[in-house]
Amino acid sequence: MNNNNFQPVSSKRLYFYEIELVIYFPSHGNDDGRSIPKYGVRYRDLKNKKGQSGRAINLEDVLALSIIKNGYPHTVCYFIAEVVGKFKYPPKKCLDLRTIQNEDDLYNWIKDLQL
């Protein structure tokens, strides 16, 4: 098999600094007209070494986690990672860095980023 045409997959992610949590947005699947709270995402709580298993879950369900819901404001980094092996956190380079005061701030930012 010739791997010369291998193209790494890019993954759009949000990293929450204070709580060491990352939300992964798929490269496709959320472009079907669904509202942002209903976006399918995955997450990983790096501090507590846990995340959801199986299928993607709704973004609103991730934001309802007490670690997020009860911890505002959050410093959040938007970045794109090449998915090849294990990624190190925190990310070295943010495409955008914001302090998010509440859930609506995050939804508006995601809309602006066109995730």
PDB file of N, CA and C in Angstrom:
ATOM      1  N   MET A   1       0.838  -1.189   0.000  1.00  0.00           N
ATOM      2  CA  MET A   1       0.000   0.000   0.000  1.00  0.00           C
ATOM      3  C   MET A   1       0.876   1.243   0.000  1.00  0.00           C
ATOM      4  N   ASN A   2       0.568   2.187  -0.837  1.00  0.00           N
ATOM      5  CA  ASN A   2       1.339   3.420  -0.956  1.00  0.00           C
ATOM      6  C   ASN A   2       0.714   4.491  -0.081  1.00  0.00           C
ATOM      7  N   ASN A   3       1.476   4.994   0.892  1.00  0.00           N
ATOM      8  CA  ASN A   3       0.972   6.031   1.803  1.00  0.00           C
ATOM      9  C   ASN A   3       1.413   7.430   1.404  1.00  0.00           C
ATOM     10  N   ASN A   4       1.921   7.597   0.198  1.00  0.00           N
ATOM     11  CA  ASN A   4       2.381   8.917  -0.234  1.00  0.00           C
ATOM     12  C   ASN A   4       1.242   9.912  -0.358  1.00  0.00           C
ATOM     13  N   ASN A   5       0.012   9.430  -0.496  1.00  0.00           N
ATOM     14  CA  ASN A   5      -1.136  10.322  -0.636  1.00  0.00           C
ATOM     15  C   ASN A   5      -1.867  10.527   0.677  1.00  0.00           C
ATOM     16  N   PHE A   6      -1.253  10.135   1.799  1.00  0.00           N
ATOM     17  CA  PHE A   6      -1.883  10.286   3.113  1.00  0.00           C
ATOM     18  C   PHE A   6      -2.107  11.763   3.422  1.00  0.00           C
ATOM     19  N   GLN A   7      -3.342  12.089   3.776  1.00  0.00           N
ATOM     20  CA  GLN A   7      -3.699  13.457   4.158  1.00  0.00           C
ATOM     21  C   GLN A   7      -4.155  13.441   5.610  1.00  0.00           C
ATOM     22  N   PRO A   8      -3.444  14.133   6.515  1.00  0.00           N
ATOM     23  CA  PRO A   8      -3.895  14.148   7.898  1.00  0.00           C
ATOM     24  C   PRO A   8      -5.265  14.815   8.012  1.00  0.00           C
ATOM     25  N   VAL A   9      -6.058  14.349   8.950  1.00  0.00           N
ATOM     26  CA  VAL A   9      -7.388  14.892   9.173  1.00  0.00           C
ATOM     27  C   VAL A   9      -7.280  16.038  10.168  1.00  0.00           C
ATOM     28  N   SER A  10      -7.924  17.154   9.868  1.00  0.00           N
ATOM     29  CA  SER A  10      -7.934  18.288  10.779  1.00  0.00           C
ATOM     30  C   SER A  10      -9.127  18.188  11.708  1.00  0.00           C
ATOM     31  N   SER A  11      -8.915  18.566  12.942  1.00  0.00           N
ATOM     32  CA  SER A  11      -9.967  18.540  13.937  1.00  0.00           C
ATOM     33  C   SER A  11     -10.079  19.920  14.580  1.00  0.00           C
ATOM     34  N   LYS A  12     -11.271  20.515  14.502  1.00  0.00           N
ATOM     35  CA  LYS A  12     -11.512  21.807  15.144  1.00  0.00           C
ATOM     36  C   LYS A  12     -11.854  21.547  16.604  1.00  0.00           C
ATOM     37  N   ARG A  13     -11.202  22.303  17.483  1.00  0.00           N
ATOM     38  CA  ARG A  13     -11.342  22.038  18.914  1.00  0.00           C
ATOM     39  C   ARG A  13     -11.424  23.326  19.717  1.00  0.00           C
ATOM     40  N   LEU A  14     -12.088  23.214  20.865  1.00  0.00           N
ATOM     41  CA  LEU A  14     -12.114  24.280  21.872  1.00  0.00           C
ATOM     42  C   LEU A  14     -11.488  23.704  23.137  1.00  0.00           C
ATOM     43  N   TYR A  15     -10.486  24.418  23.668  1.00  0.00           N
ATOM     44  CA  TYR A  15      -9.812  23.976  24.886  1.00  0.00           C
ATOM     45  C   TYR A  15     -10.110  24.961  26.003  1.00  0.00           C
ATOM     46  N   PHE A  16     -10.644  24.461  27.114  1.00  0.00           N
ATOM     47  CA  PHE A  16     -10.979  25.258  28.290  1.00  0.00           C
ATOM     48  C   PHE A  16      -9.802  25.162  29.262  1.00  0.00           C
ATOM     49  N   TYR A  17      -9.050  26.261  29.405  1.00  0.00           N
ATOM     50  CA  TYR A  17      -7.813  26.247  30.178  1.00  0.00           C
ATOM     51  C   TYR A  17      -8.000  25.911  31.647  1.00  0.00           C
ATOM     52  N   GLU A  18      -8.883  26.601  32.336  1.00  0.00           N
ATOM     53  CA  GLU A  18      -8.987  26.444  33.787  1.00  0.00           C
ATOM     54  C   GLU A  18      -9.420  25.041  34.207  1.00  0.00           C
ATOM     55  N   ILE A  19     -10.221  24.398  33.388  1.00  0.00           N
ATOM     56  CA  ILE A  19     -10.753  23.087  33.763  1.00  0.00           C
ATOM     57  C   ILE A  19     -10.145  21.945  32.952  1.00  0.00           C
ATOM     58  N   GLU A  20      -9.248  22.264  32.032  1.00  0.00           N
ATOM     59  CA  GLU A  20      -8.555  21.266  31.207  1.00  0.00           C
ATOM     60  C   GLU A  20      -9.531  20.320  30.515  1.00  0.00           C
ATOM     61  N   LEU A  21     -10.427  20.918  29.754  1.00  0.00           N
ATOM     62  CA  LEU A  21     -11.429  20.157  29.013  1.00  0.00           C
ATOM     63  C   LEU A  21     -11.365  20.579  27.554  1.00  0.00           C
ATOM     64  N   VAL A  22     -11.517  19.621  26.663  1.00  0.00           N
ATOM     65  CA  VAL A  22     -11.486  19.913  25.234  1.00  0.00           C
ATOM     66  C   VAL A  22     -12.767  19.382  24.591  1.00  0.00           C
ATOM     67  N   ILE A  23     -13.339  20.198  23.691  1.00  0.00           N
ATOM     68  CA  ILE A  23     -14.506  19.790  22.916  1.00  0.00           C
ATOM     69  C   ILE A  23     -14.065  19.658  21.472  1.00  0.00           C
ATOM     70  N   TYR A  24     -14.377  18.521  20.868  1.00  0.00           N
ATOM     71  CA  TYR A  24     -13.997  18.207  19.491  1.00  0.00           C
ATOM     72  C   TYR A  24     -15.206  18.369  18.577  1.00  0.00           C
ATOM     73  N   PHE A  25     -15.035  19.107  17.497  1.00  0.00           N
ATOM     74  CA  PHE A  25     -16.088  19.285  16.499  1.00  0.00           C
ATOM     75  C   PHE A  25     -15.740  18.438  15.280  1.00  0.00           C
ATOM     76  N   PRO A  26     -16.675  17.627  14.793  1.00  0.00           N
ATOM     77  CA  PRO A  26     -16.383  16.797  13.626  1.00  0.00           C
ATOM     78  C   PRO A  26     -16.229  17.649  12.364  1.00  0.00           C
ATOM     79  N   SER A  27     -15.537  17.095  11.386  1.00  0.00           N
ATOM     80  CA  SER A  27     -15.308  17.831  10.139  1.00  0.00           C
ATOM     81  C   SER A  27     -16.583  17.950   9.313  1.00  0.00           C
ATOM     82  N   HIS A  28     -17.560  17.097   9.568  1.00  0.00           N
ATOM     83  CA  HIS A  28     -18.841  17.186   8.870  1.00  0.00           C
ATOM     84  C   HIS A  28     -19.926  16.590   9.766  1.00  0.00           C
ATOM     85  N   GLY A  29     -21.173  16.839   9.425  1.00  0.00           N
ATOM     86  CA  GLY A  29     -22.276  16.287  10.182  1.00  0.00           C
ATOM     87  C   GLY A  29     -23.129  17.330  10.870  1.00  0.00           C
ATOM     88  N   ASN A  30     -22.540  18.500  11.164  1.00  0.00           N
ATOM     89  CA  ASN A  30     -23.296  19.574  11.809  1.00  0.00           C
ATOM     90  C   ASN A  30     -23.750  20.624  10.799  1.00  0.00           C
ATOM     91  N   ASP A  31     -23.521  20.336   9.529  1.00  0.00           N
ATOM     92  CA  ASP A  31     -23.855  21.288   8.471  1.00  0.00           C
ATOM     93  C   ASP A  31     -25.210  20.983   7.845  1.00  0.00           C
ATOM     94  N   ASP A  32     -26.058  20.312   8.609  1.00  0.00           N
ATOM     95  CA  ASP A  32     -27.366  19.921   8.086  1.00  0.00           C
ATOM     96  C   ASP A  32     -28.493  20.833   8.561  1.00  0.00           C
ATOM     97  N   GLY A  33     -28.154  22.028   9.036  1.00  0.00           N
ATOM     98  CA  GLY A  33     -29.173  22.981   9.452  1.00  0.00           C
ATOM     99  C   GLY A  33     -29.553  22.899  10.915  1.00  0.00           C
ATOM    100  N   ARG A  34     -28.929  22.007  11.665  1.00  0.00           N
ATOM    101  CA  ARG A  34     -29.282  21.897  13.086  1.00  0.00           C
ATOM    102  C   ARG A  34     -28.788  23.114  13.858  1.00  0.00           C
ATOM    103  N   SER A  35     -29.451  23.414  14.962  1.00  0.00           N
ATOM    104  CA  SER A  35     -29.057  24.555  15.797  1.00  0.00           C
ATOM    105  C   SER A  35     -27.758  24.214  16.531  1.00  0.00           C
ATOM    106  N   ILE A  36     -27.008  25.234  16.903  1.00  0.00           N
ATOM    107  CA  ILE A  36     -25.711  25.038  17.555  1.00  0.00           C
ATOM    108  C   ILE A  36     -25.818  24.183  18.821  1.00  0.00           C
ATOM    109  N   PRO A  37     -26.817  24.393  19.697  1.00  0.00           N
ATOM    110  CA  PRO A  37     -26.900  23.515  20.882  1.00  0.00           C
ATOM    111  C   PRO A  37     -27.058  22.035  20.536  1.00  0.00           C
ATOM    112  N   LYS A  38     -27.566  21.737  19.360  1.00  0.00           N
ATOM    113  CA  LYS A  38     -27.780  20.345  18.932  1.00  0.00           C
ATOM    114  C   LYS A  38     -26.607  19.773  18.134  1.00  0.00           C
ATOM    115  N   TYR A  39     -25.516  20.554  17.964  1.00  0.00           N
ATOM    116  CA  TYR A  39     -24.337  20.054  17.267  1.00  0.00           C
ATOM    117  C   TYR A  39     -23.848  18.776  17.952  1.00  0.00           C
ATOM    118  N   GLY A  40     -23.453  17.817  17.151  1.00  0.00           N
ATOM    119  CA  GLY A  40     -22.839  16.610  17.672  1.00  0.00           C
ATOM    120  C   GLY A  40     -21.360  16.861  17.919  1.00  0.00           C
ATOM    121  N   VAL A  41     -20.891  16.608  19.134  1.00  0.00           N
ATOM    122  CA  VAL A  41     -19.493  16.840  19.518  1.00  0.00           C
ATOM    123  C   VAL A  41     -19.016  15.690  20.398  1.00  0.00           C
ATOM    124  N   ARG A  42     -17.743  15.680  20.634  1.00  0.00           N
ATOM    125  CA  ARG A  42     -17.130  14.787  21.625  1.00  0.00           C
ATOM    126  C   ARG A  42     -16.356  15.678  22.589  1.00  0.00           C
ATOM    127  N   TYR A  43     -16.131  15.172  23.786  1.00  0.00           N
ATOM    128  CA  TYR A  43     -15.342  15.948  24.738  1.00  0.00           C
ATOM    129  C   TYR A  43     -14.430  15.021  25.521  1.00  0.00           C
ATOM    130  N   ARG A  44     -13.426  15.628  26.109  1.00  0.00           N
ATOM    131  CA  ARG A  44     -12.498  14.903  26.982  1.00  0.00           C
ATOM    132  C   ARG A  44     -12.130  15.811  28.140  1.00  0.00           C
ATOM    133  N   ASP A  45     -12.381  15.336  29.341  1.00  0.00           N
ATOM    134  CA  ASP A  45     -11.989  16.017  30.574  1.00  0.00           C
ATOM    135  C   ASP A  45     -10.588  15.500  30.897  1.00  0.00           C
ATOM    136  N   LEU A  46      -9.577  16.290  30.580  1.00  0.00           N
ATOM    137  CA  LEU A  46      -8.196  15.841  30.728  1.00  0.00           C
ATOM    138  C   LEU A  46      -7.776  15.752  32.184  1.00  0.00           C
ATOM    139  N   LYS A  47      -8.290  16.644  33.007  1.00  0.00           N
ATOM    140  CA  LYS A  47      -7.926  16.673  34.424  1.00  0.00           C
ATOM    141  C   LYS A  47      -8.411  15.401  35.132  1.00  0.00           C
ATOM    142  N   ASN A  48      -9.635  14.997  34.849  1.00  0.00           N
ATOM    143  CA  ASN A  48     -10.225  13.824  35.497  1.00  0.00           C
ATOM    144  C   ASN A  48     -10.139  12.565  34.636  1.00  0.00           C
ATOM    145  N   LYS A  49      -9.483  12.698  33.476  1.00  0.00           N
ATOM    146  CA  LYS A  49      -9.255  11.563  32.564  1.00  0.00           C
ATOM    147  C   LYS A  49     -10.541  10.824  32.216  1.00  0.00           C
ATOM    148  N   LYS A  50     -11.532  11.590  31.749  1.00  0.00           N
ATOM    149  CA  LYS A  50     -12.771  10.949  31.317  1.00  0.00           C
ATOM    150  C   LYS A  50     -13.404  11.755  30.185  1.00  0.00           C
ATOM    151  N   GLY A  51     -14.319  11.113  29.496  1.00  0.00           N
ATOM    152  CA  GLY A  51     -15.050  11.735  28.407  1.00  0.00           C
ATOM    153  C   GLY A  51     -16.199  10.815  28.038  1.00  0.00           C
ATOM    154  N   GLN A  52     -16.953  11.220  27.054  1.00  0.00           N
ATOM    155  CA  GLN A  52     -18.056  10.338  26.669  1.00  0.00           C
ATOM    156  C   GLN A  52     -17.508   9.257  25.759  1.00  0.00           C
ATOM    157  N   SER A  53     -18.160   8.126  25.795  1.00  0.00           N
ATOM    158  CA  SER A  53     -17.751   7.043  24.907  1.00  0.00           C
ATOM    159  C   SER A  53     -18.865   6.815  23.893  1.00  0.00           C
ATOM    160  N   GLY A  54     -18.517   6.183  22.809  1.00  0.00           N
ATOM    161  CA  GLY A  54     -19.524   5.914  21.791  1.00  0.00           C
ATOM    162  C   GLY A  54     -19.758   7.099  20.884  1.00  0.00           C
ATOM    163  N   ARG A  55     -21.008   7.265  20.489  1.00  0.00           N
ATOM    164  CA  ARG A  55     -21.384   8.299  19.526  1.00  0.00           C
ATOM    165  C   ARG A  55     -21.209   9.710  20.086  1.00  0.00           C
ATOM    166  N   ALA A  56     -21.173  10.666  19.160  1.00  0.00           N
ATOM    167  CA  ALA A  56     -21.122  12.073  19.554  1.00  0.00           C
ATOM    168  C   ALA A  56     -22.388  12.421  20.333  1.00  0.00           C
ATOM    169  N   ILE A  57     -22.273  13.435  21.189  1.00  0.00           N
ATOM    170  CA  ILE A  57     -23.420  13.902  21.965  1.00  0.00           C
ATOM    171  C   ILE A  57     -23.673  15.360  21.627  1.00  0.00           C
ATOM    172  N   ASN A  58     -24.831  15.864  22.008  1.00  0.00           N
ATOM    173  CA  ASN A  58     -25.174  17.258  21.725  1.00  0.00           C
ATOM    174  C   ASN A  58     -24.290  18.208  22.525  1.00  0.00           C
ATOM    175  N   LEU A  59     -23.909  19.301  21.890  1.00  0.00           N
ATOM    176  CA  LEU A  59     -23.107  20.318  22.551  1.00  0.00           C
ATOM    177  C   LEU A  59     -23.780  20.800  23.829  1.00  0.00           C
ATOM    178  N   GLU A  60     -25.095  20.985  23.816  1.00  0.00           N
ATOM    179  CA  GLU A  60     -25.795  21.462  25.012  1.00  0.00           C
ATOM    180  C   GLU A  60     -25.633  20.496  26.180  1.00  0.00           C
ATOM    181  N   ASP A  61     -25.479  19.212  25.917  1.00  0.00           N
ATOM    182  CA  ASP A  61     -25.264  18.236  26.987  1.00  0.00           C
ATOM    183  C   ASP A  61     -23.865  18.367  27.591  1.00  0.00           C
ATOM    184  N   VAL A  62     -22.887  18.687  26.761  1.00  0.00           N
ATOM    185  CA  VAL A  62     -21.533  18.913  27.274  1.00  0.00           C
ATOM    186  C   VAL A  62     -21.516  20.185  28.122  1.00  0.00           C
ATOM    187  N   LEU A  63     -22.169  21.238  27.628  1.00  0.00           N
ATOM    188  CA  LEU A  63     -22.177  22.505  28.367  1.00  0.00           C
ATOM    189  C   LEU A  63     -22.976  22.418  29.666  1.00  0.00           C
ATOM    190  N   ALA A  64     -23.802  21.397  29.795  1.00  0.00           N
ATOM    191  CA  ALA A  64     -24.570  21.191  31.029  1.00  0.00           C
ATOM    192  C   ALA A  64     -23.747  20.487  32.111  1.00  0.00           C
ATOM    193  N   LEU A  65     -22.557  19.982  31.761  1.00  0.00           N
ATOM    194  CA  LEU A  65     -21.699  19.356  32.764  1.00  0.00           C
ATOM    195  C   LEU A  65     -21.389  20.377  33.849  1.00  0.00           C
ATOM    196  N   SER A  66     -21.433  19.954  35.099  1.00  0.00           N
ATOM    197  CA  SER A  66     -21.226  20.899  36.207  1.00  0.00           C
ATOM    198  C   SER A  66     -19.862  21.577  36.131  1.00  0.00           C
ATOM    199  N   ILE A  67     -18.847  20.877  35.663  1.00  0.00           N
ATOM    200  CA  ILE A  67     -17.511  21.464  35.549  1.00  0.00           C
ATOM    201  C   ILE A  67     -17.511  22.689  34.631  1.00  0.00           C
ATOM    202  N   ILE A  68     -18.369  22.691  33.622  1.00  0.00           N
ATOM    203  CA  ILE A  68     -18.486  23.841  32.717  1.00  0.00           C
ATOM    204  C   ILE A  68     -19.530  24.815  33.256  1.00  0.00           C
ATOM    205  N   LYS A  69     -20.708  24.316  33.513  1.00  0.00           N
ATOM    206  CA  LYS A  69     -21.853  25.153  33.908  1.00  0.00           C
ATOM    207  C   LYS A  69     -21.585  25.986  35.160  1.00  0.00           C
ATOM    208  N   ASN A  70     -20.901  25.412  36.133  1.00  0.00           N
ATOM    209  CA  ASN A  70     -20.664  26.104  37.400  1.00  0.00           C
ATOM    210  C   ASN A  70     -19.315  26.801  37.461  1.00  0.00           C
ATOM    211  N   GLY A  71     -18.599  26.843  36.340  1.00  0.00           N
ATOM    212  CA  GLY A  71     -17.243  27.389  36.371  1.00  0.00           C
ATOM    213  C   GLY A  71     -17.005  28.664  35.590  1.00  0.00           C
ATOM    214  N   TYR A  72     -18.063  29.290  35.052  1.00  0.00           N
ATOM    215  CA  TYR A  72     -17.863  30.515  34.263  1.00  0.00           C
ATOM    216  C   TYR A  72     -17.273  31.605  35.127  1.00  0.00           C
ATOM    217  N   PRO A  73     -16.446  32.482  34.546  1.00  0.00           N
ATOM    218  CA  PRO A  73     -16.008  32.525  33.148  1.00  0.00           C
ATOM    219  C   PRO A  73     -14.920  31.483  32.865  1.00  0.00           C
ATOM    220  N   HIS A  74     -14.796  31.141  31.570  1.00  0.00           N
ATOM    221  CA  HIS A  74     -13.783  30.203  31.105  1.00  0.00           C
ATOM    222  C   HIS A  74     -12.903  30.890  30.071  1.00  0.00           C
ATOM    223  N   THR A  75     -11.608  30.607  30.120  1.00  0.00           N
ATOM    224  CA  THR A  75     -10.693  31.033  29.070  1.00  0.00           C
ATOM    225  C   THR A  75     -10.646  29.896  28.066  1.00  0.00           C
ATOM    226  N   VAL A  76     -11.029  30.187  26.816  1.00  0.00           N
ATOM    227  CA  VAL A  76     -11.179  29.137  25.817  1.00  0.00           C
ATOM    228  C   VAL A  76     -10.338  29.454  24.584  1.00  0.00           C
ATOM    229  N   CYS A  77      -9.633  28.448  24.113  1.00  0.00           N
ATOM    230  CA  CYS A  77      -8.782  28.545  22.929  1.00  0.00           C
ATOM    231  C   CYS A  77      -9.437  27.775  21.792  1.00  0.00           C
ATOM    232  N   TYR A  78      -9.585  28.415  20.647  1.00  0.00           N
ATOM    233  CA  TYR A  78     -10.023  27.729  19.436  1.00  0.00           C
ATOM    234  C   TYR A  78      -8.777  27.405  18.622  1.00  0.00           C
ATOM    235  N   PHE A  79      -8.641  26.150  18.233  1.00  0.00           N
ATOM    236  CA  PHE A  79      -7.494  25.755  17.434  1.00  0.00           C
ATOM    237  C   PHE A  79      -7.874  24.580  16.543  1.00  0.00           C
ATOM    238  N   ILE A  80      -7.033  24.330  15.580  1.00  0.00           N
ATOM    239  CA  ILE A  80      -7.203  23.192  14.688  1.00  0.00           C
ATOM    240  C   ILE A  80      -5.997  22.288  14.889  1.00  0.00           C
ATOM    241  N   ALA A  81      -6.278  21.015  15.123  1.00  0.00           N
ATOM    242  CA  ALA A  81      -5.204  20.043  15.331  1.00  0.00           C
ATOM    243  C   ALA A  81      -5.196  19.057  14.180  1.00  0.00           C
ATOM    244  N   GLU A  82      -4.007  18.707  13.757  1.00  0.00           N
ATOM    245  CA  GLU A  82      -3.856  17.624  12.796  1.00  0.00           C
ATOM    246  C   GLU A  82      -3.929  16.335  13.587  1.00  0.00           C
ATOM    247  N   VAL A  83      -4.854  15.484  13.238  1.00  0.00           N
ATOM    248  CA  VAL A  83      -5.055  14.249  13.980  1.00  0.00           C
ATOM    249  C   VAL A  83      -4.106  13.187  13.448  1.00  0.00           C
ATOM    250  N   VAL A  84      -2.955  13.142  14.052  1.00  0.00           N
ATOM    251  CA  VAL A  84      -1.957  12.121  13.742  1.00  0.00           C
ATOM    252  C   VAL A  84      -1.271  11.782  15.070  1.00  0.00           C
ATOM    253  N   GLY A  85      -1.712  10.747  15.701  1.00  0.00           N
ATOM    254  CA  GLY A  85      -1.130  10.376  16.984  1.00  0.00           C
ATOM    255  C   GLY A  85      -1.725  11.178  18.131  1.00  0.00           C
ATOM    256  N   LYS A  86      -1.017  11.197  19.223  1.00  0.00           N
ATOM    257  CA  LYS A  86      -1.500  11.841  20.445  1.00  0.00           C
ATOM    258  C   LYS A  86      -1.168  13.327  20.442  1.00  0.00           C
ATOM    259  N   PHE A  87      -2.164  14.155  20.768  1.00  0.00           N
ATOM    260  CA  PHE A  87      -1.989  15.600  20.798  1.00  0.00           C
ATOM    261  C   PHE A  87      -1.690  16.045  22.221  1.00  0.00           C
ATOM    262  N   LYS A  88      -0.803  17.019  22.374  1.00  0.00           N
ATOM    263  CA  LYS A  88      -0.417  17.536  23.691  1.00  0.00           C
ATOM    264  C   LYS A  88      -1.238  18.775  24.033  1.00  0.00           C
ATOM    265  N   TYR A  89      -1.635  18.862  25.312  1.00  0.00           N
ATOM    266  CA  TYR A  89      -2.385  20.019  25.805  1.00  0.00           C
ATOM    267  C   TYR A  89      -1.600  20.695  26.902  1.00  0.00           C
ATOM    268  N   PRO A  90      -1.781  21.994  27.087  1.00  0.00           N
ATOM    269  CA  PRO A  90      -2.604  22.904  26.291  1.00  0.00           C
ATOM    270  C   PRO A  90      -1.988  23.134  24.917  1.00  0.00           C
ATOM    271  N   PRO A  91      -2.842  23.585  23.973  1.00  0.00           N
ATOM    272  CA  PRO A  91      -2.344  23.831  22.613  1.00  0.00           C
ATOM    273  C   PRO A  91      -1.299  24.945  22.615  1.00  0.00           C
ATOM    274  N   LYS A  92      -0.328  24.822  21.733  1.00  0.00           N
ATOM    275  CA  LYS A  92       0.735  25.830  21.651  1.00  0.00           C
ATOM    276  C   LYS A  92       0.295  27.085  20.916  1.00  0.00           C
ATOM    277  N   LYS A  93      -0.694  26.941  20.025  1.00  0.00           N
ATOM    278  CA  LYS A  93      -1.121  28.087  19.229  1.00  0.00           C
ATOM    279  C   LYS A  93      -2.638  28.111  19.108  1.00  0.00           C
ATOM    280  N   CYS A  94      -3.223  29.238  19.501  1.00  0.00           N
ATOM    281  CA  CYS A  94      -4.670  29.435  19.369  1.00  0.00           C
ATOM    282  C   CYS A  94      -4.944  30.302  18.147  1.00  0.00           C
ATOM    283  N   LEU A  95      -5.970  29.945  17.399  1.00  0.00           N
ATOM    284  CA  LEU A  95      -6.413  30.807  16.306  1.00  0.00           C
ATOM    285  C   LEU A  95      -7.246  31.953  16.869  1.00  0.00           C
ATOM    286  N   ASP A  96      -7.870  31.710  18.012  1.00  0.00           N
ATOM    287  CA  ASP A  96      -8.658  32.722  18.705  1.00  0.00           C
ATOM    288  C   ASP A  96      -8.713  32.320  20.177  1.00  0.00           C
ATOM    289  N   LEU A  97      -8.584  33.285  21.065  1.00  0.00           N
ATOM    290  CA  LEU A  97      -8.616  33.046  22.499  1.00  0.00           C
ATOM    291  C   LEU A  97      -9.611  34.019  23.106  1.00  0.00           C
ATOM    292  N   ARG A  98     -10.553  33.496  23.885  1.00  0.00           N
ATOM    293  CA  ARG A  98     -11.595  34.346  24.461  1.00  0.00           C
ATOM    294  C   ARG A  98     -11.868  33.959  25.903  1.00  0.00           C
ATOM    295  N   THR A  99     -12.382  34.938  26.634  1.00  0.00           N
ATOM    296  CA  THR A  99     -12.954  34.674  27.943  1.00  0.00           C
ATOM    297  C   THR A  99     -14.454  34.602  27.732  1.00  0.00           C
ATOM    298  N   ILE A 100     -15.014  33.465  28.041  1.00  0.00           N
ATOM    299  CA  ILE A 100     -16.434  33.200  27.828  1.00  0.00           C
ATOM    300  C   ILE A 100     -17.153  33.360  29.164  1.00  0.00           C
ATOM    301  N   GLN A 101     -18.146  34.245  29.182  1.00  0.00           N
ATOM    302  CA  GLN A 101     -18.863  34.555  30.414  1.00  0.00           C
ATOM    303  C   GLN A 101     -20.037  33.609  30.690  1.00  0.00           C
ATOM    304  N   ASN A 102     -20.606  33.048  29.622  1.00  0.00           N
ATOM    305  CA  ASN A 102     -21.782  32.189  29.788  1.00  0.00           C
ATOM    306  C   ASN A 102     -21.999  31.372  28.509  1.00  0.00           C
ATOM    307  N   GLU A 103     -23.005  30.539  28.542  1.00  0.00           N
ATOM    308  CA  GLU A 103     -23.315  29.654  27.423  1.00  0.00           C
ATOM    309  C   GLU A 103     -23.622  30.436  26.141  1.00  0.00           C
ATOM    310  N   ASP A 104     -24.363  31.526  26.259  1.00  0.00           N
ATOM    311  CA  ASP A 104     -24.697  32.332  25.079  1.00  0.00           C
ATOM    312  C   ASP A 104     -23.449  32.904  24.413  1.00  0.00           C
ATOM    313  N   ASP A 105     -22.466  33.350  25.221  1.00  0.00           N
ATOM    314  CA  ASP A 105     -21.190  33.817  24.663  1.00  0.00           C
ATOM    315  C   ASP A 105     -20.557  32.729  23.807  1.00  0.00           C
ATOM    316  N   LEU A 106     -20.575  31.511  24.323  1.00  0.00           N
ATOM    317  CA  LEU A 106     -19.952  30.401  23.605  1.00  0.00           C
ATOM    318  C   LEU A 106     -20.706  30.086  22.322  1.00  0.00           C
ATOM    319  N   TYR A 107     -22.034  30.044  22.375  1.00  0.00           N
ATOM    320  CA  TYR A 107     -22.830  29.788  21.169  1.00  0.00           C
ATOM    321  C   TYR A 107     -22.589  30.863  20.107  1.00  0.00           C
ATOM    322  N   ASN A 108     -22.543  32.119  20.516  1.00  0.00           N
ATOM    323  CA  ASN A 108     -22.296  33.214  19.560  1.00  0.00           C
ATOM    324  C   ASN A 108     -20.911  33.107  18.937  1.00  0.00           C
ATOM    325  N   TRP A 109     -19.926  32.734  19.737  1.00  0.00           N
ATOM    326  CA  TRP A 109     -18.561  32.577  19.222  1.00  0.00           C
ATOM    327  C   TRP A 109     -18.497  31.424  18.224  1.00  0.00           C
ATOM    328  N   ILE A 110     -19.149  30.312  18.549  1.00  0.00           N
ATOM    329  CA  ILE A 110     -19.176  29.155  17.636  1.00  0.00           C
ATOM    330  C   ILE A 110     -19.849  29.549  16.315  1.00  0.00           C
ATOM    331  N   LYS A 111     -20.891  30.342  16.403  1.00  0.00           N
ATOM    332  CA  LYS A 111     -21.558  30.827  15.182  1.00  0.00           C
ATOM    333  C   LYS A 111     -20.603  31.685  14.362  1.00  0.00           C
ATOM    334  N   ASP A 112     -19.867  32.599  15.024  1.00  0.00           N
ATOM    335  CA  ASP A 112     -18.898  33.461  14.335  1.00  0.00           C
ATOM    336  C   ASP A 112     -17.782  32.632  13.680  1.00  0.00           C
ATOM    337  N   LEU A 113     -17.355  31.578  14.366  1.00  0.00           N
ATOM    338  CA  LEU A 113     -16.287  30.712  13.838  1.00  0.00           C
ATOM    339  C   LEU A 113     -16.777  29.799  12.724  1.00  0.00           C
ATOM    340  N   GLN A 114     -18.087  29.680  12.599  1.00  0.00           N
ATOM    341  CA  GLN A 114     -18.708  28.807  11.605  1.00  0.00           C
ATOM    342  C   GLN A 114     -18.269  27.359  11.768  1.00  0.00           C
ATOM    343  N   LEU A 115     -18.310  26.903  12.997  1.00  0.00           N
ATOM    344  CA  LEU A 115     -17.940  25.502  13.289  1.00  0.00           C
ATOM    345  C   LEU A 115     -19.064  24.572  12.912  1.00  0.00           C
TER     346      LEU A 115
END
